[in-house]
Amino acid sequence: MTNTTQTQLGRPSNPNSVRQIKIQERLEKKEQGLLKRGRPVIEGSKRQEVLQKRSEKVSNGIELKKGRPVNVNSKRQIELAKKSNSDVVELERG
């Protein structure tokens, strides 16, 4: 069995550089759970109220619908209904 020593790969870094100090501070904050990332949440904003109401509805078992509601009296919906009915009739004949 031979002893092999592994040399550190990459460019040597200066532990006293500003960048390395920032990296160390960030790691320490991350370990302590103090590292804040992303956009801060503003309590009481309209978006937070909407999210709160949504979570309440989910917890109460109310079914949430996605997207814009369909206007069943619109021209397009009437045409789609006619088309789907004609497709069903053709399938029954065939």
Protein backbone atom coordinates (compact mmCIF):
# COMPACT_ATOMS: atom_id res chain seq x y z
CA MET A 1 0.00 0.00 0.00
CA THR A 2 1.43 3.35 -1.01
CA ASN A 3 0.85 6.69 0.65
CA THR A 4 -0.46 9.31 -1.70
CA THR A 5 -0.96 12.92 -0.79
CA GLN A 6 -3.57 14.91 -2.60
CA THR A 7 -2.74 18.48 -3.48
CA GLN A 8 -5.43 21.11 -3.41
CA LEU A 9 -6.71 21.81 -6.89
CA GLY A 10 -7.41 25.25 -8.25
CA ARG A 11 -6.05 28.67 -7.69
CA PRO A 12 -4.89 29.53 -4.15
CA SER A 13 -7.12 32.00 -2.33
CA ASN A 14 -6.18 34.71 0.12
CA PRO A 15 -8.16 34.09 3.34
CA ASN A 16 -7.88 37.80 4.25
CA SER A 17 -9.39 39.11 1.02
CA VAL A 18 -12.67 41.02 1.15
CA ARG A 19 -14.40 38.38 -0.97
CA GLN A 20 -13.30 35.50 1.27
CA ILE A 21 -14.39 37.42 4.37
CA LYS A 22 -17.85 37.98 2.82
CA ILE A 23 -18.10 34.29 1.94
CA GLN A 24 -17.21 33.31 5.52
CA GLU A 25 -19.76 35.76 6.97
CA ARG A 26 -22.43 34.38 4.64
CA LEU A 27 -21.64 30.79 5.69
CA GLU A 28 -21.83 31.74 9.38
CA LYS A 29 -25.19 33.47 8.88
CA LYS A 30 -26.47 30.44 6.96
CA GLU A 31 -25.49 28.10 9.80
CA GLN A 32 -27.22 30.36 12.34
CA GLY A 33 -30.33 30.68 10.16
CA LEU A 34 -29.98 34.45 9.76
CA LEU A 35 -29.27 34.51 6.03
CA LYS A 36 -32.08 36.35 4.26
CA ARG A 37 -32.54 35.58 0.60
CA GLY A 38 -35.08 36.81 -1.92
CA ARG A 39 -37.52 39.66 -1.79
CA PRO A 40 -38.74 40.58 1.69
CA VAL A 41 -42.39 39.97 2.59
CA ILE A 42 -44.43 43.06 3.48
CA GLU A 43 -46.99 42.10 6.11
CA GLY A 44 -50.46 43.52 5.51
CA SER A 45 -49.99 43.96 1.77
CA LYS A 46 -52.78 43.09 -0.65
CA ARG A 47 -50.85 40.05 -1.91
CA GLN A 48 -50.39 38.70 1.62
CA GLU A 49 -54.13 39.13 2.30
CA VAL A 50 -54.95 37.16 -0.87
CA LEU A 51 -52.53 34.38 0.10
CA GLN A 52 -53.97 34.27 3.63
CA LYS A 53 -57.55 33.96 2.34
CA ARG A 54 -56.44 31.26 -0.11
CA SER A 55 -54.78 29.21 2.63
CA GLU A 56 -57.90 29.58 4.81
CA LYS A 57 -60.08 28.28 1.96
CA VAL A 58 -57.76 25.30 1.46
CA SER A 59 -57.77 24.50 5.18
CA ASN A 60 -61.60 24.72 5.27
CA GLY A 61 -61.85 22.29 2.35
CA ILE A 62 -63.21 24.76 -0.20
CA GLU A 63 -62.30 23.81 -3.76
CA LEU A 64 -60.20 26.47 -5.49
CA LYS A 65 -60.67 27.13 -9.16
CA LYS A 66 -57.80 28.21 -11.37
CA GLY A 67 -57.89 30.85 -14.05
CA ARG A 68 -60.58 33.13 -15.35
CA PRO A 69 -64.23 32.02 -15.07
CA VAL A 70 -65.91 30.93 -18.31
CA ASN A 71 -68.77 33.04 -19.68
CA VAL A 72 -71.16 30.35 -20.96
CA ASN A 73 -73.14 32.95 -22.95
CA SER A 74 -70.16 34.12 -25.00
CA LYS A 75 -70.15 33.58 -28.76
CA ARG A 76 -67.16 31.23 -28.59
CA GLN A 77 -68.63 29.05 -25.84
CA ILE A 78 -71.91 28.72 -27.73
CA GLU A 79 -70.03 27.65 -30.88
CA LEU A 80 -67.97 25.14 -28.90
CA ALA A 81 -71.11 23.69 -27.33
CA LYS A 82 -72.75 23.29 -30.74
CA LYS A 83 -69.62 21.66 -32.14
CA SER A 84 -69.32 19.21 -29.24
CA ASN A 85 -73.01 18.28 -29.56
CA SER A 86 -72.63 17.65 -33.30
CA ASP A 87 -69.55 15.49 -32.65
CA VAL A 88 -71.52 13.39 -30.14
CA VAL A 89 -74.38 12.94 -32.64
CA GLU A 90 -71.96 11.84 -35.37
CA LEU A 91 -70.36 9.30 -33.03
CA GLU A 92 -73.76 7.83 -32.15
CA ARG A 93 -74.65 7.44 -35.85
CA GLY A 94 -71.25 5.94 -36.76
